[in-house]
Amino acid sequence: MQIGVHGLVFTGQFDEQGLVTAASGAQQAGFDLLELPLMNPYTFDGPLVQRIADDHNLAVTASLGLDADHDLTSDDPATRQRGRDLLHRAVDVVAEAGGAHLCGVLYSAMRKYMHPATPQGLEYSATIISELGEYARTSGVQVSLEVVNRYETNVFNTGRGALQFLQSVTSNNVAVHLDTYHMNIEESGLYQPVIDTATQLRYVHIGESHRGYLGTGTVDFGSFFRALAAINYSGPVVFESFSSAVVSEALSNTLGIWRNLWNDSADLAAHANRFIRDHIRAVDTIAMH
């Protein structure tokens, strides 16, 4: 199991200096892995990412949230094609960077919809995601679809919803990505969804209910980590948190960061690394009881 951290904990810019800042921060905090947000995959230099990650002894993954101009559920063929092309470029970046995982809101725009998803929109999305999974397979990249709350997509908002969507996806290289922040909003608890998605769960985000320091909100991390142990989960576990003190103003507004709960990336990251590893170790010791 690799313990990782989202790049936005350290910087909102991902040019060469920003990549070094994120990688240095992740390494100093004790993480194994750095997740990069591919806000614009066309601007990322995959080989550069790999060199910087290697210099800091880090594995790399990447995440992405589509916008309305790239929405796979759109009735507009040109919009869907832009989304498909963007996702293919994202896979290419991950492969060029030596990474093995692309995750996030890849199946629709990451925004508040004012209507339910249509059957046709779901079919459009599933068709492109199926093709993406096979395209990614040729590069050794796993695709995982993040389950987010009702204010960020209308396609699915729970683990069971993700499983239902995957029934229409023909590629077995597409799996589920759970996030405790979103689960805390939508799920009835944090144990059962992990059990439900056990055979399809490939990626995990760890976030507090208010996006701040872990353990200071309402997320039931004890149950969540017990569930991960129960299914022998071995994929990435990545800490995610945002603050406009670090992230650009435009991105902070998109993410709804209306108040800052931290301003020290190094302290936040070190605390999260200890918190996650301590919970994993505590669950491991249950076998000794």
C-alpha atoms as a PDB file:
ATOM      1  CA  MET A   1       0.000   0.000   0.000  1.00  0.00           C
ATOM      2  CA  GLN A   2       1.415   3.388  -1.023  1.00  0.00           C
ATOM      3  CA  ILE A   3       0.573   6.413   1.132  1.00  0.00           C
ATOM      4  CA  GLY A   4       0.381   9.578  -0.938  1.00  0.00           C
ATOM      5  CA  VAL A   5      -0.520  13.244  -0.953  1.00  0.00           C
ATOM      6  CA  HIS A   6      -2.267  15.516  -3.430  1.00  0.00           C
ATOM      7  CA  GLY A   7      -0.026  18.122  -5.050  1.00  0.00           C
ATOM      8  CA  LEU A   8      -2.439  20.947  -4.198  1.00  0.00           C
ATOM      9  CA  VAL A   9      -1.440  20.599  -0.558  1.00  0.00           C
ATOM     10  CA  PHE A  10       1.817  22.303  -1.530  1.00  0.00           C
ATOM     11  CA  THR A  11       1.232  24.443  -4.614  1.00  0.00           C
ATOM     12  CA  GLY A  12      -1.326  25.641  -7.135  1.00  0.00           C
ATOM     13  CA  GLN A  13       1.204  25.848  -9.974  1.00  0.00           C
ATOM     14  CA  PHE A  14       2.662  22.833 -11.751  1.00  0.00           C
ATOM     15  CA  ASP A  15       5.412  24.255 -13.894  1.00  0.00           C
ATOM     16  CA  GLU A  16       8.910  22.910 -13.156  1.00  0.00           C
ATOM     17  CA  GLN A  17       9.299  24.925  -9.952  1.00  0.00           C
ATOM     18  CA  GLY A  18       5.824  23.972  -8.768  1.00  0.00           C
ATOM     19  CA  LEU A  19       6.516  20.302  -9.401  1.00  0.00           C
ATOM     20  CA  VAL A  20       9.728  20.526  -7.393  1.00  0.00           C
ATOM     21  CA  THR A  21       7.849  22.277  -4.581  1.00  0.00           C
ATOM     22  CA  ALA A  22       5.182  19.565  -4.480  1.00  0.00           C
ATOM     23  CA  ALA A  23       7.660  16.697  -4.722  1.00  0.00           C
ATOM     24  CA  SER A  24       9.919  18.158  -2.043  1.00  0.00           C
ATOM     25  CA  GLY A  25       6.977  18.702   0.267  1.00  0.00           C
ATOM     26  CA  ALA A  26       5.704  15.169  -0.233  1.00  0.00           C
ATOM     27  CA  GLN A  27       9.147  13.667   0.358  1.00  0.00           C
ATOM     28  CA  GLN A  28       9.847  15.722   3.466  1.00  0.00           C
ATOM     29  CA  ALA A  29       6.468  14.777   4.956  1.00  0.00           C
ATOM     30  CA  GLY A  30       7.275  11.089   4.503  1.00  0.00           C
ATOM     31  CA  PHE A  31       4.886  10.125   1.700  1.00  0.00           C
ATOM     32  CA  ASP A  32       5.502   7.406  -0.901  1.00  0.00           C
ATOM     33  CA  LEU A  33       3.469   8.937  -3.699  1.00  0.00           C
ATOM     34  CA  LEU A  34       2.537  12.301  -5.208  1.00  0.00           C
ATOM     35  CA  GLU A  35      -0.813  12.770  -6.956  1.00  0.00           C
ATOM     36  CA  LEU A  36      -0.786  15.505  -9.569  1.00  0.00           C
ATOM     37  CA  PRO A  37      -3.962  17.353 -10.613  1.00  0.00           C
ATOM     38  CA  LEU A  38      -4.019  17.464 -14.416  1.00  0.00           C
ATOM     39  CA  MET A  39      -5.987  20.691 -14.614  1.00  0.00           C
ATOM     40  CA  ASN A  40      -4.750  21.014 -18.207  1.00  0.00           C
ATOM     41  CA  PRO A  41      -3.088  17.786 -19.388  1.00  0.00           C
ATOM     42  CA  TYR A  42      -1.814  19.515 -22.520  1.00  0.00           C
ATOM     43  CA  THR A  43       0.549  21.670 -20.437  1.00  0.00           C
ATOM     44  CA  PHE A  44       2.148  18.806 -18.491  1.00  0.00           C
ATOM     45  CA  ASP A  45       5.593  17.510 -19.454  1.00  0.00           C
ATOM     46  CA  GLY A  46       5.438  13.811 -18.544  1.00  0.00           C
ATOM     47  CA  PRO A  47       9.194  13.079 -18.734  1.00  0.00           C
ATOM     48  CA  LEU A  48       9.884  16.132 -16.564  1.00  0.00           C
ATOM     49  CA  VAL A  49       7.385  14.883 -13.985  1.00  0.00           C
ATOM     50  CA  GLN A  50       9.090  11.489 -13.966  1.00  0.00           C
ATOM     51  CA  ARG A  51      12.549  13.003 -13.497  1.00  0.00           C
ATOM     52  CA  ILE A  52      11.427  15.162 -10.586  1.00  0.00           C
ATOM     53  CA  ALA A  53       9.505  12.296  -8.971  1.00  0.00           C
ATOM     54  CA  ASP A  54      12.489   9.982  -9.326  1.00  0.00           C
ATOM     55  CA  ASP A  55      14.772  12.628  -7.813  1.00  0.00           C
ATOM     56  CA  HIS A  56      12.502  12.615  -4.737  1.00  0.00           C
ATOM     57  CA  ASN A  57      11.923   8.839  -4.601  1.00  0.00           C
ATOM     58  CA  LEU A  58       8.205   9.200  -5.232  1.00  0.00           C
ATOM     59  CA  ALA A  59       5.677   7.250  -7.241  1.00  0.00           C
ATOM     60  CA  VAL A  60       3.269   9.358  -9.311  1.00  0.00           C
ATOM     61  CA  THR A  61      -0.463   9.230  -9.994  1.00  0.00           C
ATOM     62  CA  ALA A  62      -2.720  11.830 -11.580  1.00  0.00           C
ATOM     63  CA  SER A  63      -6.276  13.032 -11.189  1.00  0.00           C
ATOM     64  CA  LEU A  64      -8.613  15.087 -13.308  1.00  0.00           C
ATOM     65  CA  GLY A  65     -12.048  16.654 -13.121  1.00  0.00           C
ATOM     66  CA  LEU A  66     -13.691  17.496 -16.439  1.00  0.00           C
ATOM     67  CA  ASP A  67     -15.359  20.853 -17.023  1.00  0.00           C
ATOM     68  CA  ALA A  68     -18.507  21.664 -18.996  1.00  0.00           C
ATOM     69  CA  ASP A  69     -16.566  22.049 -22.254  1.00  0.00           C
ATOM     70  CA  HIS A  70     -15.386  18.432 -21.961  1.00  0.00           C
ATOM     71  CA  ASP A  71     -18.493  16.786 -20.469  1.00  0.00           C
ATOM     72  CA  LEU A  72     -18.868  13.168 -21.609  1.00  0.00           C
ATOM     73  CA  THR A  73     -22.609  13.241 -20.815  1.00  0.00           C
ATOM     74  CA  SER A  74     -23.243  16.196 -23.124  1.00  0.00           C
ATOM     75  CA  ASP A  75     -25.682  15.961 -26.031  1.00  0.00           C
ATOM     76  CA  ASP A  76     -23.126  17.842 -28.131  1.00  0.00           C
ATOM     77  CA  PRO A  77     -20.810  15.454 -30.044  1.00  0.00           C
ATOM     78  CA  ALA A  78     -18.034  18.079 -30.216  1.00  0.00           C
ATOM     79  CA  THR A  79     -18.063  18.485 -26.429  1.00  0.00           C
ATOM     80  CA  ARG A  80     -17.830  14.728 -25.931  1.00  0.00           C
ATOM     81  CA  GLN A  81     -15.001  14.495 -28.458  1.00  0.00           C
ATOM     82  CA  ARG A  82     -13.053  17.194 -26.631  1.00  0.00           C
ATOM     83  CA  GLY A  83     -13.561  15.249 -23.428  1.00  0.00           C
ATOM     84  CA  ARG A  84     -12.363  12.020 -25.034  1.00  0.00           C
ATOM     85  CA  ASP A  85      -9.264  13.707 -26.458  1.00  0.00           C
ATOM     86  CA  LEU A  86      -8.456  15.363 -23.131  1.00  0.00           C
ATOM     87  CA  LEU A  87      -8.719  12.041 -21.290  1.00  0.00           C
ATOM     88  CA  HIS A  88      -6.461  10.342 -23.807  1.00  0.00           C
ATOM     89  CA  ARG A  89      -3.881  13.075 -23.297  1.00  0.00           C
ATOM     90  CA  ALA A  90      -4.211  12.617 -19.529  1.00  0.00           C
ATOM     91  CA  VAL A  91      -3.439   8.902 -19.911  1.00  0.00           C
ATOM     92  CA  ASP A  92      -0.442   9.789 -22.064  1.00  0.00           C
ATOM     93  CA  VAL A  93       0.889  12.158 -19.384  1.00  0.00           C
ATOM     94  CA  VAL A  94       0.562   9.495 -16.688  1.00  0.00           C
ATOM     95  CA  ALA A  95       2.367   6.953 -18.866  1.00  0.00           C
ATOM     96  CA  GLU A  96       5.110   9.423 -19.826  1.00  0.00           C
ATOM     97  CA  ALA A  97       5.600  10.233 -16.146  1.00  0.00           C
ATOM     98  CA  GLY A  98       6.042   6.577 -15.271  1.00  0.00           C
ATOM     99  CA  GLY A  99       2.764   6.521 -13.375  1.00  0.00           C
ATOM    100  CA  ALA A 100       0.218   3.737 -13.250  1.00  0.00           C
ATOM    101  CA  HIS A 101      -3.042   5.420 -12.264  1.00  0.00           C
ATOM    102  CA  LEU A 102      -5.460   8.062 -13.576  1.00  0.00           C
ATOM    103  CA  CYS A 103      -8.421   8.853 -11.336  1.00  0.00           C
ATOM    104  CA  GLY A 104     -11.011  11.515 -10.638  1.00  0.00           C
ATOM    105  CA  VAL A 105     -14.246  12.787 -12.145  1.00  0.00           C
ATOM    106  CA  LEU A 106     -13.515  11.486 -15.624  1.00  0.00           C
ATOM    107  CA  TYR A 107     -17.067  10.578 -16.625  1.00  0.00           C
ATOM    108  CA  SER A 108     -18.874  13.966 -16.481  1.00  0.00           C
ATOM    109  CA  ALA A 109     -18.206  17.584 -15.709  1.00  0.00           C
ATOM    110  CA  MET A 110     -17.297  18.230 -12.086  1.00  0.00           C
ATOM    111  CA  ARG A 111     -20.031  20.741 -11.323  1.00  0.00           C
ATOM    112  CA  LYS A 112     -23.504  21.223  -9.902  1.00  0.00           C
ATOM    113  CA  TYR A 113     -26.058  19.952 -12.398  1.00  0.00           C
ATOM    114  CA  MET A 114     -29.605  21.301 -12.349  1.00  0.00           C
ATOM    115  CA  HIS A 115     -31.190  18.067 -13.602  1.00  0.00           C
ATOM    116  CA  PRO A 116     -30.725  14.301 -13.256  1.00  0.00           C
ATOM    117  CA  ALA A 117     -28.438  12.491 -15.655  1.00  0.00           C
ATOM    118  CA  THR A 118     -30.301  11.278 -18.737  1.00  0.00           C
ATOM    119  CA  PRO A 119     -30.142   7.653 -19.943  1.00  0.00           C
ATOM    120  CA  GLN A 120     -28.580   8.903 -23.175  1.00  0.00           C
ATOM    121  CA  GLY A 121     -25.989  10.953 -21.292  1.00  0.00           C
ATOM    122  CA  LEU A 122     -25.031   7.952 -19.175  1.00  0.00           C
ATOM    123  CA  GLU A 123     -24.681   5.840 -22.318  1.00  0.00           C
ATOM    124  CA  TYR A 124     -22.454   8.457 -23.953  1.00  0.00           C
ATOM    125  CA  SER A 125     -20.228   8.531 -20.886  1.00  0.00           C
ATOM    126  CA  ALA A 126     -20.012   4.764 -20.437  1.00  0.00           C
ATOM    127  CA  THR A 127     -19.082   4.300 -24.098  1.00  0.00           C
ATOM    128  CA  ILE A 128     -16.181   6.768 -23.938  1.00  0.00           C
ATOM    129  CA  ILE A 129     -15.006   5.490 -20.552  1.00  0.00           C
ATOM    130  CA  SER A 130     -15.018   1.929 -21.908  1.00  0.00           C
ATOM    131  CA  GLU A 131     -12.804   3.000 -24.770  1.00  0.00           C
ATOM    132  CA  LEU A 132     -10.581   5.009 -22.412  1.00  0.00           C
ATOM    133  CA  GLY A 133     -10.033   1.967 -20.221  1.00  0.00           C
ATOM    134  CA  GLU A 134      -8.721  -0.040 -23.147  1.00  0.00           C
ATOM    135  CA  TYR A 135      -6.582   2.858 -24.385  1.00  0.00           C
ATOM    136  CA  ALA A 136      -5.077   3.193 -20.914  1.00  0.00           C
ATOM    137  CA  ARG A 137      -4.427  -0.549 -20.672  1.00  0.00           C
ATOM    138  CA  THR A 138      -1.993  -0.358 -23.608  1.00  0.00           C
ATOM    139  CA  SER A 139       0.118   2.081 -21.543  1.00  0.00           C
ATOM    140  CA  GLY A 140      -0.151   0.163 -18.280  1.00  0.00           C
ATOM    141  CA  VAL A 141      -2.399   2.806 -16.717  1.00  0.00           C
ATOM    142  CA  GLN A 142      -5.347   1.925 -14.437  1.00  0.00           C
ATOM    143  CA  VAL A 143      -8.436   4.158 -14.669  1.00  0.00           C
ATOM    144  CA  SER A 144     -10.556   4.731 -11.554  1.00  0.00           C
ATOM    145  CA  LEU A 145     -13.746   6.772 -11.356  1.00  0.00           C
ATOM    146  CA  GLU A 146     -14.089   8.958  -8.281  1.00  0.00           C
ATOM    147  CA  VAL A 147     -17.372   8.841  -6.389  1.00  0.00           C
ATOM    148  CA  VAL A 148     -18.200  12.463  -5.538  1.00  0.00           C
ATOM    149  CA  ASN A 149     -21.147  14.198  -3.919  1.00  0.00           C
ATOM    150  CA  ARG A 150     -24.359  15.449  -5.500  1.00  0.00           C
ATOM    151  CA  TYR A 151     -23.000  18.984  -5.890  1.00  0.00           C
ATOM    152  CA  GLU A 152     -20.173  17.787  -8.164  1.00  0.00           C
ATOM    153  CA  THR A 153     -21.878  15.307 -10.519  1.00  0.00           C
ATOM    154  CA  ASN A 154     -25.279  13.827 -11.315  1.00  0.00           C
ATOM    155  CA  VAL A 155     -23.966  10.498 -12.652  1.00  0.00           C
ATOM    156  CA  PHE A 156     -23.413   8.650  -9.350  1.00  0.00           C
ATOM    157  CA  ASN A 157     -22.732   9.699  -5.763  1.00  0.00           C
ATOM    158  CA  THR A 158     -22.263   6.431  -3.863  1.00  0.00           C
ATOM    159  CA  GLY A 159     -20.146   3.331  -4.134  1.00  0.00           C
ATOM    160  CA  ARG A 160     -23.149   1.278  -5.197  1.00  0.00           C
ATOM    161  CA  GLY A 161     -23.976   3.902  -7.794  1.00  0.00           C
ATOM    162  CA  ALA A 162     -20.482   3.595  -9.203  1.00  0.00           C
ATOM    163  CA  LEU A 163     -20.855  -0.177  -9.410  1.00  0.00           C
ATOM    164  CA  GLN A 164     -24.110   0.254 -11.304  1.00  0.00           C
ATOM    165  CA  PHE A 165     -22.438   2.626 -13.770  1.00  0.00           C
ATOM    166  CA  LEU A 166     -19.576   0.160 -14.270  1.00  0.00           C
ATOM    167  CA  GLN A 167     -22.080  -2.446 -15.421  1.00  0.00           C
ATOM    168  CA  SER A 168     -22.335  -0.396 -18.630  1.00  0.00           C
ATOM    169  CA  VAL A 169     -18.548  -0.065 -18.972  1.00  0.00           C
ATOM    170  CA  THR A 170     -17.062  -2.858 -21.071  1.00  0.00           C
ATOM    171  CA  SER A 171     -13.424  -2.438 -20.030  1.00  0.00           C
ATOM    172  CA  ASN A 172     -12.254  -4.212 -16.879  1.00  0.00           C
ATOM    173  CA  ASN A 173      -9.435  -1.656 -16.663  1.00  0.00           C
ATOM    174  CA  VAL A 174     -11.906   0.836 -15.161  1.00  0.00           C
ATOM    175  CA  ALA A 175     -12.566   0.688 -11.423  1.00  0.00           C
ATOM    176  CA  VAL A 176     -13.836   2.625  -8.385  1.00  0.00           C
ATOM    177  CA  HIS A 177     -12.186   5.497  -6.524  1.00  0.00           C
ATOM    178  CA  LEU A 178     -13.625   6.277  -3.053  1.00  0.00           C
ATOM    179  CA  ASP A 179     -13.061   9.541  -1.167  1.00  0.00           C
ATOM    180  CA  THR A 180     -13.902   9.858   2.542  1.00  0.00           C
ATOM    181  CA  TYR A 181     -14.858  13.546   2.170  1.00  0.00           C
ATOM    182  CA  HIS A 182     -17.569  12.701  -0.349  1.00  0.00           C
ATOM    183  CA  MET A 183     -18.569   9.477   1.418  1.00  0.00           C
ATOM    184  CA  ASN A 184     -19.182  11.463   4.600  1.00  0.00           C
ATOM    185  CA  ILE A 185     -21.793  13.476   2.688  1.00  0.00           C
ATOM    186  CA  GLU A 186     -23.531  10.747   0.709  1.00  0.00           C
ATOM    187  CA  GLU A 187     -23.055   7.322   2.293  1.00  0.00           C
ATOM    188  CA  SER A 188     -24.897   5.866   5.290  1.00  0.00           C
ATOM    189  CA  GLY A 189     -21.554   4.921   6.814  1.00  0.00           C
ATOM    190  CA  LEU A 190     -17.915   4.514   5.883  1.00  0.00           C
ATOM    191  CA  TYR A 191     -17.535   0.759   6.379  1.00  0.00           C
ATOM    192  CA  GLN A 192     -20.117  -0.849   4.092  1.00  0.00           C
ATOM    193  CA  PRO A 193     -19.281   1.074   0.884  1.00  0.00           C
ATOM    194  CA  VAL A 194     -15.721  -0.262   1.028  1.00  0.00           C
ATOM    195  CA  ILE A 195     -17.068  -3.791   1.465  1.00  0.00           C
ATOM    196  CA  ASP A 196     -19.563  -3.280  -1.363  1.00  0.00           C
ATOM    197  CA  THR A 197     -16.906  -2.079  -3.812  1.00  0.00           C
ATOM    198  CA  ALA A 198     -14.187  -4.462  -2.630  1.00  0.00           C
ATOM    199  CA  THR A 199     -13.577  -6.211  -5.942  1.00  0.00           C
ATOM    200  CA  GLN A 200     -13.584  -2.918  -7.878  1.00  0.00           C
ATOM    201  CA  LEU A 201     -11.844  -0.540  -5.462  1.00  0.00           C
ATOM    202  CA  ARG A 202      -8.474   0.603  -6.813  1.00  0.00           C
ATOM    203  CA  TYR A 203      -7.924   4.100  -5.397  1.00  0.00           C
ATOM    204  CA  VAL A 204      -8.687   5.965  -2.166  1.00  0.00           C
ATOM    205  CA  HIS A 205      -8.692   9.630  -1.166  1.00  0.00           C
ATOM    206  CA  ILE A 206      -8.478  10.547   2.507  1.00  0.00           C
ATOM    207  CA  GLY A 207     -10.072  13.891   3.350  1.00  0.00           C
ATOM    208  CA  GLU A 208     -11.717  15.363   6.423  1.00  0.00           C
ATOM    209  CA  SER A 209     -15.320  16.604   6.431  1.00  0.00           C
ATOM    210  CA  HIS A 210     -14.163  20.236   6.234  1.00  0.00           C
ATOM    211  CA  ARG A 211     -11.034  19.552   4.112  1.00  0.00           C
ATOM    212  CA  GLY A 212      -8.748  20.455   7.017  1.00  0.00           C
ATOM    213  CA  TYR A 213      -6.594  18.528   9.484  1.00  0.00           C
ATOM    214  CA  LEU A 214      -7.503  14.844   9.682  1.00  0.00           C
ATOM    215  CA  GLY A 215      -9.256  13.865  12.880  1.00  0.00           C
ATOM    216  CA  THR A 216     -10.744  17.296  13.550  1.00  0.00           C
ATOM    217  CA  GLY A 217     -14.028  16.777  11.676  1.00  0.00           C
ATOM    218  CA  THR A 218     -16.826  14.218  11.480  1.00  0.00           C
ATOM    219  CA  VAL A 219     -15.376  11.493   9.224  1.00  0.00           C
ATOM    220  CA  ASP A 220     -15.394   8.044  10.832  1.00  0.00           C
ATOM    221  CA  PHE A 221     -11.853   7.071   9.861  1.00  0.00           C
ATOM    222  CA  GLY A 222     -11.788   4.133  12.271  1.00  0.00           C
ATOM    223  CA  SER A 223     -14.532   2.317  10.384  1.00  0.00           C
ATOM    224  CA  PHE A 224     -13.059   3.228   7.024  1.00  0.00           C
ATOM    225  CA  PHE A 225      -9.596   1.866   7.754  1.00  0.00           C
ATOM    226  CA  ARG A 226     -11.073  -1.278   9.285  1.00  0.00           C
ATOM    227  CA  ALA A 227     -12.983  -1.824   6.057  1.00  0.00           C
ATOM    228  CA  LEU A 228      -9.828  -1.370   3.965  1.00  0.00           C
ATOM    229  CA  ALA A 229      -8.125  -4.008   6.106  1.00  0.00           C
ATOM    230  CA  ALA A 230     -11.121  -6.341   5.816  1.00  0.00           C
ATOM    231  CA  ILE A 231     -10.839  -6.387   2.008  1.00  0.00           C
ATOM    232  CA  ASN A 232      -7.020  -6.507   2.042  1.00  0.00           C
ATOM    233  CA  TYR A 233      -6.886  -3.263   0.087  1.00  0.00           C
ATOM    234  CA  SER A 234      -3.416  -2.646  -1.335  1.00  0.00           C
ATOM    235  CA  GLY A 235      -3.861   0.339  -3.652  1.00  0.00           C
ATOM    236  CA  PRO A 236      -2.913   3.995  -3.175  1.00  0.00           C
ATOM    237  CA  VAL A 237      -4.226   5.897  -0.136  1.00  0.00           C
ATOM    238  CA  VAL A 238      -3.867   9.603  -0.862  1.00  0.00           C
ATOM    239  CA  PHE A 239      -4.416  12.594   1.432  1.00  0.00           C
ATOM    240  CA  GLU A 240      -6.329  15.495  -0.114  1.00  0.00           C
ATOM    241  CA  SER A 241      -6.858  18.966   1.339  1.00  0.00           C
ATOM    242  CA  PHE A 242      -7.180  22.485  -0.051  1.00  0.00           C
ATOM    243  CA  SER A 243      -6.504  26.014   1.134  1.00  0.00           C
ATOM    244  CA  SER A 244      -6.589  29.285  -0.801  1.00  0.00           C
ATOM    245  CA  ALA A 245      -3.398  30.156   1.085  1.00  0.00           C
ATOM    246  CA  VAL A 246      -1.724  27.692  -1.299  1.00  0.00           C
ATOM    247  CA  VAL A 247      -4.049  27.023  -4.235  1.00  0.00           C
ATOM    248  CA  SER A 248      -4.744  29.692  -6.845  1.00  0.00           C
ATOM    249  CA  GLU A 249      -7.771  31.913  -6.234  1.00  0.00           C
ATOM    250  CA  ALA A 250      -9.590  30.649  -9.334  1.00  0.00           C
ATOM    251  CA  LEU A 251      -9.169  27.004  -8.364  1.00  0.00           C
ATOM    252  CA  SER A 252     -10.083  27.747  -4.750  1.00  0.00           C
ATOM    253  CA  ASN A 253     -13.359  29.247  -5.969  1.00  0.00           C
ATOM    254  CA  THR A 254     -14.045  26.190  -8.143  1.00  0.00           C
ATOM    255  CA  LEU A 255     -13.465  23.907  -5.154  1.00  0.00           C
ATOM    256  CA  GLY A 256     -15.581  26.057  -2.827  1.00  0.00           C
ATOM    257  CA  ILE A 257     -12.739  26.911  -0.436  1.00  0.00           C
ATOM    258  CA  TRP A 258     -14.542  29.795   1.261  1.00  0.00           C
ATOM    259  CA  ARG A 259     -12.584  29.577   4.515  1.00  0.00           C
ATOM    260  CA  ASN A 260      -9.069  28.362   5.233  1.00  0.00           C
ATOM    261  CA  LEU A 261      -8.492  25.726   7.895  1.00  0.00           C
ATOM    262  CA  TRP A 262      -4.711  25.657   7.496  1.00  0.00           C
ATOM    263  CA  ASN A 263      -1.844  27.743   6.186  1.00  0.00           C
ATOM    264  CA  ASP A 264       1.205  25.526   6.808  1.00  0.00           C
ATOM    265  CA  SER A 265       1.559  22.855   4.117  1.00  0.00           C
ATOM    266  CA  ALA A 266       4.500  21.124   5.777  1.00  0.00           C
ATOM    267  CA  ASP A 267       2.768  20.738   9.134  1.00  0.00           C
ATOM    268  CA  LEU A 268      -0.546  19.651   7.574  1.00  0.00           C
ATOM    269  CA  ALA A 269       1.167  17.073   5.366  1.00  0.00           C
ATOM    270  CA  ALA A 270       3.346  15.612   8.111  1.00  0.00           C
ATOM    271  CA  HIS A 271       0.311  15.322  10.374  1.00  0.00           C
ATOM    272  CA  ALA A 272      -1.703  13.576   7.618  1.00  0.00           C
ATOM    273  CA  ASN A 273       1.088  11.114   6.889  1.00  0.00           C
ATOM    274  CA  ARG A 274       1.305  10.149  10.566  1.00  0.00           C
ATOM    275  CA  PHE A 275      -2.480  10.008  10.912  1.00  0.00           C
ATOM    276  CA  ILE A 276      -2.939   7.631   7.986  1.00  0.00           C
ATOM    277  CA  ARG A 277      -0.042   5.365   8.903  1.00  0.00           C
ATOM    278  CA  ASP A 278      -1.111   5.290  12.559  1.00  0.00           C
ATOM    279  CA  HIS A 279      -4.628   4.226  11.586  1.00  0.00           C
ATOM    280  CA  ILE A 280      -3.338   1.494   9.311  1.00  0.00           C
ATOM    281  CA  ARG A 281      -1.008   0.234  12.047  1.00  0.00           C
ATOM    282  CA  ALA A 282      -3.745   0.376  14.685  1.00  0.00           C
ATOM    283  CA  VAL A 283      -6.033  -1.771  12.521  1.00  0.00           C
ATOM    284  CA  ASP A 284      -3.173  -4.221  11.914  1.00  0.00           C
ATOM    285  CA  THR A 285      -2.784  -4.744  15.656  1.00  0.00           C
ATOM    286  CA  ILE A 286      -6.391  -5.939  15.982  1.00  0.00           C
ATOM    287  CA  ALA A 287      -5.175  -9.342  14.835  1.00  0.00           C
ATOM    288  CA  MET A 288      -3.118  -9.518  18.028  1.00  0.00           C
ATOM    289  CA  HIS A 289      -6.129  -9.079  20.294  1.00  0.00           C
END
